[in-house]
């Protein structure tokens, strides 16, 4: 997937990446009260905190449903896990929606297990060009299989030393058997900092 990044010199850069895979997971909804933020009850939902989730096929509270099937990016909302049976969505206020009557599903892409993987990311002057910074699972990239997150961190000291204003990067995951999967790639823009 293409994702351009903006990094400010002298500032710590952090980006959390979540690896989604097929198939979609559907968890049946049993309740949505008309209170903000939207809190959805779906027993044993299995959603990691921060995962993107769409709401589909709800009866009564039709306004909460995704507009597209399959969902487009704008149909997804970041979930906050409240319990093993409930998630909330801070960007949805159902106070003036219709009253939930029945049905519906939380629909989300399967979180890919990070167990047995390592990660690597290289910033280059251009694809095939000089290496400007390399990050790995042991230096700058943290894999958390419980949270299903890949966290990329470039320290303030590293960004302060950047002598370039533009570059490219790719982020790859490598399985224990050596299979390499590219998760992200794109351009990097480096901005000067105002406060030093």
Foldseek 3Di string as FASTA:
>chain_A
DEDEAEAEALAKDKDKDFDFDDDKDWFKWDAWAQAPQTKTFTAQQVAFQQAWKAKDDWPFQVVRHAPDVVHDPVRIFTWGDPDSGMTTGRVHRNNPGTHTDGIIITIHTDGDALPQKKKKKFKAQEVVHHTLDIAICVGQWPQDRRNNIIMGIDHSVSSNPDPDQKIKMWMWMAGNVGDIDTDYIYMYGYHYDPPD
